[in-house]
Protein backbone atom coordinates (compact mmCIF):
# COMPACT_ATOMS: atom_id res chain seq x y z
CA MET A 1 -20.67 -36.73 27.83
CA THR A 2 -19.28 -40.17 27.31
CA LEU A 3 -16.77 -41.48 24.80
CA PHE A 4 -16.56 -45.22 23.80
CA HIS A 5 -15.14 -47.58 21.41
CA ALA A 6 -11.99 -45.28 20.61
CA LYS A 7 -9.55 -46.32 18.00
CA THR A 8 -5.87 -45.88 18.38
CA PHE A 9 -3.65 -43.67 16.21
CA ASN A 10 -0.03 -43.73 14.90
CA THR A 11 1.57 -40.20 15.95
CA SER A 12 2.80 -38.20 13.14
CA HIS A 13 6.40 -37.40 13.21
CA PRO A 14 7.63 -34.33 11.29
CA ASP A 15 11.15 -34.68 11.85
CA LYS A 16 11.62 -36.77 8.65
CA LEU A 17 10.06 -33.77 6.82
CA PHE A 18 12.28 -31.06 8.03
CA GLU A 19 15.27 -33.36 7.50
CA ASP A 20 14.24 -33.85 3.81
CA LEU A 21 13.67 -30.12 3.50
CA LEU A 22 17.18 -29.35 4.91
CA ASN A 23 18.74 -31.87 2.53
CA ASP A 24 16.90 -30.38 -0.59
CA VAL A 25 17.95 -26.97 0.46
CA LYS A 26 21.72 -27.91 0.53
CA LEU A 27 21.38 -29.58 -2.91
CA ILE A 28 19.88 -26.27 -4.35
CA ASN A 29 23.01 -24.39 -2.73
CA LYS A 30 25.60 -26.66 -4.25
CA GLN A 31 23.80 -25.82 -7.75
CA ALA A 32 24.40 -22.28 -7.14
CA ALA A 33 27.67 -22.02 -9.38
CA GLU A 34 26.37 -23.84 -12.37
CA THR A 35 22.82 -22.74 -12.58
CA TYR A 36 20.98 -19.35 -13.07
CA PHE A 37 19.72 -17.87 -10.15
CA ALA A 38 16.29 -17.32 -11.49
CA GLU A 39 15.76 -21.00 -11.91
CA LEU A 40 17.15 -21.82 -8.51
CA GLU A 41 14.86 -19.05 -6.88
CA LEU A 42 11.91 -20.76 -8.30
CA LYS A 43 13.24 -24.18 -7.48
CA LEU A 44 13.72 -23.08 -3.66
CA HIS A 45 10.33 -21.69 -3.63
CA LYS A 46 8.63 -24.76 -4.86
CA THR A 47 10.63 -26.85 -2.37
CA PHE A 48 9.39 -24.74 0.52
CA ALA A 49 5.89 -24.92 -0.82
CA GLU A 50 5.85 -28.57 -0.91
CA ALA A 51 7.22 -28.85 2.50
CA GLU A 52 4.62 -26.47 3.57
CA GLN A 53 1.77 -28.61 2.21
CA LYS A 54 2.91 -31.69 3.79
CA CYS A 55 3.05 -29.59 7.30
CA MET A 56 -0.39 -28.30 6.68
CA ALA A 57 -1.81 -31.69 5.88
CA GLN A 58 -0.19 -32.97 9.19
CA LEU A 59 -1.73 -30.02 11.02
CA LEU A 60 -5.26 -30.55 9.56
CA GLU A 61 -5.08 -34.26 10.62
CA GLN A 62 -4.76 -33.09 14.36
CA TYR A 63 -8.49 -31.77 14.19
CA ASP A 64 -9.96 -35.11 12.91
CA TRP A 65 -11.39 -37.89 15.16
CA ASP A 66 -11.58 -41.59 14.42
CA PHE A 67 -13.92 -43.06 17.18
CA HIS A 68 -16.56 -45.88 16.36
CA ALA A 69 -18.95 -43.59 18.34
CA PHE A 70 -19.13 -40.84 20.94
CA ILE A 71 -21.61 -38.57 22.78
CA SER A 72 -21.19 -34.75 22.85
CA GLN A 73 -23.76 -32.36 24.14
CA GLU A 74 -26.30 -35.17 24.75
CA LYS A 75 -26.12 -36.21 21.04
CA LYS A 76 -24.73 -39.51 19.89
CA TYR A 77 -22.45 -39.56 17.02
CA ARG A 78 -21.82 -42.92 15.20
CA LYS A 79 -19.24 -43.10 12.27
CA VAL A 80 -20.57 -43.82 8.88
CA SER A 81 -17.43 -43.62 6.76
CA ARG A 82 -13.71 -42.76 6.58
CA ASN A 83 -12.42 -41.44 3.34
CA THR A 84 -9.74 -38.79 2.00
CA LYS A 85 -10.88 -35.25 1.06
CA ARG A 86 -9.19 -32.41 -0.72
CA TYR A 87 -8.80 -29.15 0.85
CA MET A 88 -7.39 -25.63 -0.25
CA THR A 89 -4.71 -24.30 2.32
CA LEU A 90 -2.34 -21.14 1.88
CA ALA A 91 0.19 -23.55 0.65
CA GLY A 92 -2.09 -25.30 -2.01
CA GLU A 93 -4.21 -28.39 -2.09
CA VAL A 94 -3.81 -31.12 0.44
CA ASN A 95 -5.43 -34.61 0.83
CA VAL A 96 -6.43 -35.44 4.53
CA GLU A 97 -8.14 -38.59 5.71
CA ARG A 98 -11.17 -37.60 7.70
CA SER A 99 -14.14 -39.46 9.53
CA LEU A 100 -17.85 -38.67 8.90
CA TYR A 101 -20.54 -39.04 11.62
CA ARG A 102 -24.29 -38.97 11.95
CA THR A 103 -26.46 -38.57 14.91
CA GLU A 104 -29.53 -40.41 13.51
CA ARG A 105 -30.13 -42.86 10.46
CA ASN A 106 -30.26 -40.94 7.12
CA GLY A 107 -29.48 -37.73 9.00
CA ILE A 108 -27.06 -34.93 8.36
CA THR A 109 -23.54 -36.04 8.13
CA THR A 110 -20.95 -34.31 10.33
CA CYS A 111 -17.27 -34.02 9.85
CA PRO A 112 -15.47 -33.16 13.05
CA LEU A 113 -12.19 -31.96 11.20
CA GLU A 114 -14.19 -29.31 9.29
CA GLN A 115 -16.09 -27.95 12.18
CA ASN A 116 -13.08 -27.95 14.59
CA ALA A 117 -10.90 -26.50 12.21
CA GLY A 118 -13.42 -23.97 10.92
CA LEU A 119 -13.13 -24.79 7.41
CA ILE A 120 -14.98 -22.69 4.87
CA GLU A 121 -17.71 -24.39 2.73
CA SER A 122 -15.99 -27.74 3.53
CA PHE A 123 -13.14 -26.87 1.28
CA TRP A 124 -11.07 -23.78 2.06
CA THR A 125 -8.92 -23.04 5.22
CA PRO A 126 -9.83 -19.72 6.93
CA GLN A 127 -6.82 -17.89 5.75
CA ALA A 128 -7.00 -19.51 2.31
CA ALA A 129 -10.49 -18.27 1.99
CA LYS A 130 -9.58 -14.85 3.26
CA GLN A 131 -6.90 -14.32 0.63
CA ALA A 132 -9.23 -15.73 -2.07
CA ILE A 133 -12.22 -13.43 -1.10
CA HIS A 134 -9.64 -10.34 -0.92
CA LEU A 135 -8.39 -10.93 -4.20
CA VAL A 136 -11.74 -11.78 -6.02
CA SER A 137 -13.10 -8.51 -4.45
CA LEU A 138 -10.49 -6.74 -6.72
CA LEU A 139 -10.18 -8.85 -9.74
CA THR A 140 -12.52 -11.10 -11.80
CA PRO A 141 -12.18 -15.02 -10.79
CA CYS A 142 -10.20 -15.65 -14.05
CA GLU A 143 -7.71 -12.91 -13.32
CA ALA A 144 -7.54 -14.07 -9.51
CA GLU A 145 -6.79 -17.47 -10.71
CA HIS A 146 -3.89 -16.34 -12.83
CA VAL A 147 -2.61 -14.23 -9.96
CA PHE A 148 -2.64 -17.26 -7.70
CA LYS A 149 -0.74 -19.35 -10.29
CA GLU A 150 1.91 -16.79 -10.55
CA PHE A 151 2.42 -16.67 -6.73
CA GLY A 152 3.03 -20.46 -6.87
CA LEU A 153 1.24 -21.52 -3.66
CA MET A 154 -2.37 -22.21 -3.58
CA MET A 155 -3.99 -22.22 -6.97
CA PRO A 156 -7.69 -22.42 -6.72
CA SER A 157 -9.82 -22.59 -10.02
CA LYS A 158 -11.73 -19.74 -11.11
CA SER A 159 -15.06 -21.69 -10.53
CA SER A 160 -14.07 -21.98 -6.86
CA LEU A 161 -13.20 -18.45 -6.69
CA ASP A 162 -16.47 -17.66 -8.27
CA ARG A 163 -18.45 -19.75 -5.76
CA LEU A 164 -16.79 -18.61 -2.61
CA PRO A 165 -17.94 -14.89 -2.41
CA LYS A 166 -21.80 -16.19 -3.29
CA LYS A 167 -21.63 -18.64 -0.52
CA LEU A 168 -20.28 -16.11 2.02
CA SER A 169 -22.72 -13.56 0.91
CA GLU A 170 -25.71 -15.87 1.82
CA HIS A 171 -24.39 -15.87 5.32
CA TRP A 172 -23.79 -12.23 5.54
CA GLU A 173 -27.36 -11.48 4.00
CA ALA A 174 -28.86 -13.66 6.48
CA ASN A 175 -27.43 -11.85 9.31
CA GLN A 176 -27.29 -8.46 7.60
CA LEU A 177 -28.80 -6.21 10.42
CA SER A 178 -26.58 -7.66 13.20
CA LEU A 179 -23.34 -7.52 11.17
CA ASP A 180 -24.18 -3.97 9.97
CA ARG A 181 -24.45 -2.98 13.43
CA ILE A 182 -21.05 -4.71 14.18
CA MET A 183 -19.40 -2.90 11.27
CA GLN A 184 -20.85 0.53 12.31
CA ASN A 185 -19.52 0.11 16.02
CA ASP A 186 -16.02 -0.86 14.51
CA PHE A 187 -15.50 2.12 12.17
CA GLU A 188 -13.13 4.33 13.95
CA ILE A 189 -13.99 7.99 14.32
CA PRO A 190 -10.86 10.00 13.98
CA ASP A 191 -10.09 12.15 16.88
CA ALA A 192 -9.30 15.04 14.56
CA ALA A 193 -12.75 14.76 12.98
CA THR A 194 -15.23 17.83 13.48
CA MET A 195 -17.49 17.03 10.54
CA CYS A 196 -19.05 14.01 9.05
CA ALA A 197 -20.60 14.14 5.34
CA VAL A 198 -23.19 11.53 4.49
CA SER A 199 -24.11 11.15 0.80
CA LEU A 200 -25.75 8.52 -1.54
CA ASP A 201 -26.03 8.12 -5.28
CA GLY A 202 -26.78 5.56 -8.02
CA VAL A 203 -24.95 4.01 -10.91
CA MET A 204 -26.40 2.02 -13.68
CA ILE A 205 -25.15 -1.44 -14.02
CA PRO A 206 -26.08 -4.63 -16.38
CA THR A 207 -28.11 -7.10 -14.76
CA ARG A 208 -29.89 -10.52 -15.61
CA TYR A 209 -33.18 -9.31 -14.70
CA THR A 210 -36.10 -9.99 -17.31
CA ARG A 211 -33.81 -11.34 -19.84
CA VAL A 212 -35.64 -12.24 -23.20
CA LEU A 213 -32.36 -14.18 -24.45
CA PRO A 214 -29.50 -15.58 -22.58
CA SER A 215 -27.15 -12.93 -24.09
CA ASP A 216 -29.46 -10.06 -23.12
CA SER A 217 -28.73 -7.43 -20.37
CA ARG A 218 -30.89 -4.99 -18.82
CA TRP A 219 -29.71 -1.92 -16.81
CA ALA A 220 -30.78 -1.21 -13.16
CA GLU A 221 -29.38 1.26 -10.78
CA ALA A 222 -27.05 -0.08 -8.11
CA ALA A 223 -26.85 2.18 -4.83
CA CYS A 224 -23.69 3.75 -3.37
CA GLY A 225 -23.23 5.75 0.02
CA THR A 226 -20.53 7.11 1.95
CA VAL A 227 -20.00 8.35 5.30
CA SER A 228 -16.92 10.70 5.25
CA PHE A 229 -15.08 12.50 8.20
CA TYR A 230 -13.38 15.89 7.88
CA ASP A 231 -11.09 17.89 10.09
CA LYS A 232 -11.76 21.58 11.01
CA ALA A 233 -9.66 22.50 8.02
CA GLY A 234 -12.12 20.73 5.79
CA GLU A 235 -9.52 18.04 4.80
CA MET A 236 -11.17 14.50 4.24
CA ILE A 237 -9.73 12.06 6.87
CA SER A 238 -11.25 8.79 6.19
CA THR A 239 -14.62 7.28 4.33
CA ARG A 240 -16.92 4.24 5.01
CA TYR A 241 -18.28 2.91 1.79
CA LEU A 242 -21.62 1.14 1.35
CA ALA A 243 -22.82 -0.57 -1.85
CA ARG A 244 -26.08 -2.42 -2.74
CA MET A 245 -27.48 -4.10 -5.78
CA PRO A 246 -30.50 -2.37 -7.28
CA GLU A 247 -33.30 -2.23 -4.95
CA HIS A 248 -36.69 -0.15 -4.77
CA LYS A 249 -35.91 3.19 -3.58
CA LYS A 250 -32.38 2.04 -2.10
CA LYS A 251 -34.21 0.78 1.10
CA THR A 252 -31.23 -1.22 2.46
CA LEU A 253 -28.68 1.29 1.62
CA LYS A 254 -30.70 4.25 3.37
CA GLN A 255 -31.12 1.94 6.46
CA GLN A 256 -27.33 1.40 6.53
CA LEU A 257 -26.55 5.13 6.09
CA ALA A 258 -29.19 5.86 8.96
CA GLY A 259 -27.84 3.41 11.34
CA HIS A 260 -24.07 4.86 10.82
CA ILE A 261 -25.21 8.38 11.50
CA GLU A 262 -27.12 7.17 14.88
CA VAL A 263 -24.16 5.35 16.01
CA LEU A 264 -21.47 7.97 15.35
CA LEU A 265 -23.75 10.59 17.04
CA LYS A 266 -23.94 8.47 20.06
CA GLU A 267 -20.24 8.25 20.44
CA ARG A 268 -19.52 11.88 19.05
CA PRO A 269 -22.51 14.00 19.44
CA ASP A 270 -20.37 17.11 18.89
CA LEU A 271 -19.81 16.16 15.16
CA ALA A 272 -21.42 18.55 12.52
CA ILE A 273 -23.44 16.48 10.07
CA ILE A 274 -23.46 17.65 6.42
CA LYS A 275 -25.99 15.88 4.01
CA VAL A 276 -24.73 16.11 0.46
CA ALA A 277 -26.41 14.88 -2.65
CA ASP A 278 -27.66 15.64 -6.18
CA GLY A 279 -31.01 17.13 -6.79
CA ALA A 280 -33.02 13.69 -6.93
CA ARG A 281 -36.20 13.97 -5.05
CA ASP A 282 -35.92 10.46 -3.42
CA ASN A 283 -32.45 11.43 -1.96
CA TRP A 284 -33.60 14.37 -0.03
CA THR A 285 -36.89 12.65 0.98
CA PHE A 286 -34.49 10.34 2.77
CA LEU A 287 -31.97 12.81 3.89
CA ASP A 288 -34.57 15.12 5.38
CA ASP A 289 -36.79 12.48 6.85
CA GLN A 290 -34.67 9.88 8.25
CA ILE A 291 -31.43 12.00 9.07
CA LYS A 292 -32.90 14.97 11.10
CA GLU A 293 -29.65 16.20 12.19
CA GLY A 294 -27.33 18.31 9.98
CA GLU A 295 -27.65 20.80 7.40
CA CYS A 296 -28.31 20.04 3.71
CA VAL A 297 -26.11 20.83 0.70
CA LEU A 298 -26.91 20.34 -2.93
CA ASP A 299 -23.89 19.17 -4.79
CA PHE A 300 -22.39 22.39 -6.32
CA TYR A 301 -21.19 20.64 -9.64
CA HIS A 302 -24.76 19.42 -10.32
CA ALA A 303 -26.01 22.84 -9.47
CA ALA A 304 -23.29 24.02 -11.96
CA GLN A 305 -24.42 21.82 -14.49
CA HIS A 306 -28.02 22.77 -14.30
CA LEU A 307 -26.92 26.53 -14.36
CA PHE A 308 -25.05 25.82 -17.57
CA SER A 309 -28.29 24.11 -19.17
CA ALA A 310 -30.41 27.30 -18.20
CA ILE A 311 -27.87 29.66 -19.63
CA GLU A 312 -27.73 27.61 -22.84
CA CYS A 313 -31.65 27.85 -22.95
CA ILE A 314 -31.28 31.64 -23.03
CA HIS A 315 -28.12 32.30 -25.30
CA GLY A 316 -28.01 29.15 -27.38
CA LYS A 317 -25.39 26.20 -27.60
CA GLN A 318 -21.76 26.69 -27.89
CA THR A 319 -22.08 30.58 -28.10
CA ILE A 320 -19.62 33.02 -26.63
CA GLU A 321 -22.40 34.73 -24.69
CA THR A 322 -23.38 31.41 -23.13
CA VAL A 323 -19.79 30.79 -21.98
CA ARG A 324 -19.40 34.37 -20.61
CA MET A 325 -22.84 34.38 -18.81
CA PHE A 326 -22.11 31.04 -17.32
CA LYS A 327 -18.81 32.06 -15.94
CA LYS A 328 -20.44 35.13 -14.54
CA TYR A 329 -23.24 33.55 -12.79
CA ARG A 330 -21.27 30.39 -11.71
CA ALA A 331 -18.98 32.76 -9.90
CA TYR A 332 -21.98 34.39 -8.05
CA LEU A 333 -23.34 30.91 -7.26
CA ARG A 334 -20.02 29.80 -5.80
CA TYR A 335 -18.60 33.00 -3.97
CA ASP A 336 -21.34 35.26 -3.34
CA ALA A 337 -23.38 35.17 -0.20
CA LYS A 338 -26.46 35.87 -1.87
CA GLY A 339 -25.55 34.11 -5.28
CA ILE A 340 -28.71 31.63 -5.38
CA ASP A 341 -30.89 34.63 -5.17
CA LYS A 342 -29.07 36.39 -7.97
CA VAL A 343 -29.36 33.28 -10.15
CA ILE A 344 -32.91 32.78 -9.65
CA TYR A 345 -33.80 36.42 -10.12
CA HIS A 346 -31.64 36.34 -13.43
CA LEU A 347 -33.37 33.36 -14.69
CA LYS A 348 -36.94 34.43 -13.97
CA TYR A 349 -36.05 37.79 -15.78
CA GLN A 350 -35.04 35.96 -18.76
CA LEU A 351 -38.14 33.77 -18.64
CA ARG A 352 -40.23 36.78 -18.64
CA LYS A 353 -38.64 37.96 -21.74
CA ASN A 354 -38.92 34.40 -23.36
CA PRO A 355 -42.07 32.77 -21.91
CA ARG A 356 -41.91 29.91 -24.34
CA LEU A 357 -38.65 28.54 -22.93
CA LYS A 358 -40.08 25.61 -20.90
CA ALA A 359 -36.64 24.08 -20.27
CA LEU A 360 -35.65 27.26 -18.63
CA LYS A 361 -38.82 27.14 -16.47
CA THR A 362 -37.77 23.55 -15.44
CA GLU A 363 -34.39 24.90 -14.26
CA ILE A 364 -35.98 27.71 -12.41
CA THR A 365 -37.88 25.19 -10.47
CA TYR A 366 -34.93 23.19 -9.72
CA PHE A 367 -33.02 26.12 -8.19
CA THR A 368 -36.00 27.37 -6.23
CA ARG A 369 -36.81 23.91 -4.83
CA HIS A 370 -33.17 23.56 -3.74
CA ARG A 371 -32.54 27.36 -2.72
CA THR A 372 -31.89 26.68 1.07
CA ARG A 373 -29.33 23.95 0.04
CA CYS A 374 -27.03 26.29 -2.18
CA GLU A 375 -25.25 28.50 0.51
CA TYR A 376 -21.99 27.72 -0.87
CA ALA A 377 -19.99 30.86 0.23
CA ARG A 378 -20.98 30.31 3.74
CA LEU A 379 -20.24 26.66 3.77
CA LYS A 380 -16.83 27.12 2.27
CA SER A 381 -15.97 29.93 4.70
CA GLU A 382 -16.73 27.32 7.58
CA ASN A 383 -14.59 24.59 5.69
CA LYS A 384 -17.72 22.36 4.99
CA PRO A 385 -17.82 20.15 2.01
CA ILE A 386 -20.37 21.38 -0.97
CA GLY A 387 -19.76 18.56 -3.19
CA SER A 388 -20.72 14.88 -3.54
CA GLY A 389 -17.45 13.84 -5.18
CA ILE A 390 -16.81 11.32 -2.71
CA VAL A 391 -19.93 9.31 -3.38
CA GLU A 392 -19.33 9.86 -7.18
CA SER A 393 -15.87 8.56 -6.74
CA ALA A 394 -17.38 5.39 -4.84
CA CYS A 395 -19.90 4.68 -7.68
CA LYS A 396 -16.77 4.34 -9.89
CA THR A 397 -14.15 2.49 -7.49
CA VAL A 398 -16.70 0.39 -5.64
CA VAL A 399 -19.22 -0.65 -8.36
CA GLN A 400 -17.97 0.20 -11.86
CA MET A 401 -14.52 -0.85 -11.71
CA ARG A 402 -15.63 -4.34 -10.85
CA LEU A 403 -19.21 -4.70 -12.14
CA LYS A 404 -18.90 -3.01 -15.49
CA ARG A 405 -16.24 -5.25 -17.20
CA SER A 406 -16.85 -6.21 -20.68
CA GLY A 407 -19.58 -9.01 -20.99
CA GLN A 408 -20.52 -8.83 -17.45
CA HIS A 409 -24.08 -8.80 -16.27
CA TRP A 410 -25.16 -9.62 -12.65
CA ASP A 411 -27.95 -11.19 -10.52
CA ASP A 412 -28.72 -10.00 -7.07
CA GLN A 413 -26.50 -12.91 -5.34
CA GLY A 414 -23.48 -12.62 -7.28
CA GLY A 415 -23.33 -8.77 -7.52
CA GLN A 416 -24.16 -8.15 -3.89
CA ALA A 417 -21.33 -10.78 -2.84
CA ILE A 418 -18.79 -8.68 -4.70
CA LEU A 419 -20.24 -5.36 -3.54
CA THR A 420 -20.30 -6.22 0.33
CA PHE A 421 -16.57 -7.38 0.38
CA ARG A 422 -15.42 -4.79 -1.96
CA SER A 423 -17.00 -2.08 0.06
CA ILE A 424 -15.70 -3.43 3.16
CA LEU A 425 -12.22 -3.89 1.95
CA LEU A 426 -12.11 -0.19 0.61
CA SER A 427 -13.16 1.05 4.04
CA GLN A 428 -10.24 -0.76 5.70
CA GLN A 429 -12.67 -2.96 7.60
CA PHE A 430 -11.87 -6.34 6.14
CA ASP A 431 -10.13 -7.83 8.98
CA LYS A 432 -13.04 -7.08 11.44
CA ALA A 433 -15.52 -8.52 8.78
CA TRP A 434 -13.60 -11.54 8.29
CA GLU A 435 -13.59 -12.34 11.96
CA GLU A 436 -17.36 -12.43 11.88
CA VAL A 437 -17.27 -14.65 8.73
CA LYS A 438 -15.17 -17.20 10.37
CA ASN A 439 -17.74 -17.44 13.22
CA PHE A 440 -20.16 -18.77 10.65
CA TYR A 441 -18.11 -22.11 10.20
CA LEU A 442 -16.29 -22.58 13.44
CA LYS A 443 -18.51 -25.04 15.25
CA PRO A 444 -16.17 -27.24 17.41
CA ILE A 445 -17.79 -30.45 18.68
CA LEU A 446 -17.09 -30.79 22.41
CA LEU A 447 -15.65 -33.76 24.23
CA PRO A 448 -15.02 -34.25 27.75
CA ASN A 449 -12.00 -32.66 29.56
CA ASN A 450 -10.43 -35.89 30.58
CA VAL A 451 -10.48 -37.16 26.94
CA VAL A 452 -7.58 -36.18 24.55
CA LYS A 453 -9.47 -34.05 22.17
CA PHE A 454 -7.87 -34.76 18.79
CA GLN A 455 -6.28 -38.33 18.29
CA ARG A 456 -3.14 -38.43 16.35
CA LYS A 457 -2.54 -40.93 13.48
């Protein structure tokens, strides 16, 4: 590689900056006797923030080059312009002069500063983008904008906060299979874990699909999945959350869940796998066919709801007899080793007495189909989970609390951007995920070893 026609820089000296900062701090201290503390606290904060902005601008300048031309990795770069660009840092917006290059006429423009520093979407510094995506995963862009203003450092606009997760999600989705494998391998299996429960469910969200009018919403089912670890006492230790926008038969979510189980069984083949879900046929088609290991459990609380519906068919709605019989047979179902057989026998007996009760016949079919998944007394004696409350909670905390706000409706790109990073954040894997995200943008341009990498102004 060869470098030629290099221009000279004036080296930046931060000493004056720190001297001014010290003088400002001394001045604020002198005002302590005659000014309210709250005012001085805010003034001191702003003073340091302004100094940090200037330091950050100087730091970014070190990653810029100002050569007429240079050759790197057998590509010849020629400078096409030099201008000032606004960037968002942890300390706020800074303006930095940078050079732009091209390898061919009318080709793609390259900015060494942005590639060498790994700036996100040609605007955010890595740590600034990390804070922004963290906050916007929890709050709306408008709410996040207000929070950042209250902090008094960087103050991105809501439009910038809205665009960022969508852009990051494009890279994530393009590399979804490899990134899923990285996150699966990164998720720590607790040493105390003896069991792993895998579950999936769906939740309806407002979407922009097939809208007739701009204000119309259409509802579709987003998918949630969980992989939870339990100790031998049956206490949950940790959970990995997954969430996807509406998709036919939850294809991607099922691939992610199956991948998780495959990875953890390679590392811990001693783990007992428990597959828990409600009675939806599609759930059990997946759990039976794609996750061969482990035993299947019909969520007890869904089973109890179906039992109540069956008892209502027999004794009527809101009657004392309905309540009495439901309590009796719910106890059988939960605590008796042969509880599911007693429930089915009783319901069939009642159907013979009342053959016109079609709804009762439906409930009998439900319990008969899931008979082998309802051994709740044995499961609890072994401290194994019998409910899908974890995934039900995931539907609320991962999806509903963020995607079902008043007036919201989502397309695939925007909704998946939030669900991806929100599920990673709630799974305590955000730092690892961010390391992978940064790699999308960190593409330094190599120079010879005998040439100073970053010329200083």
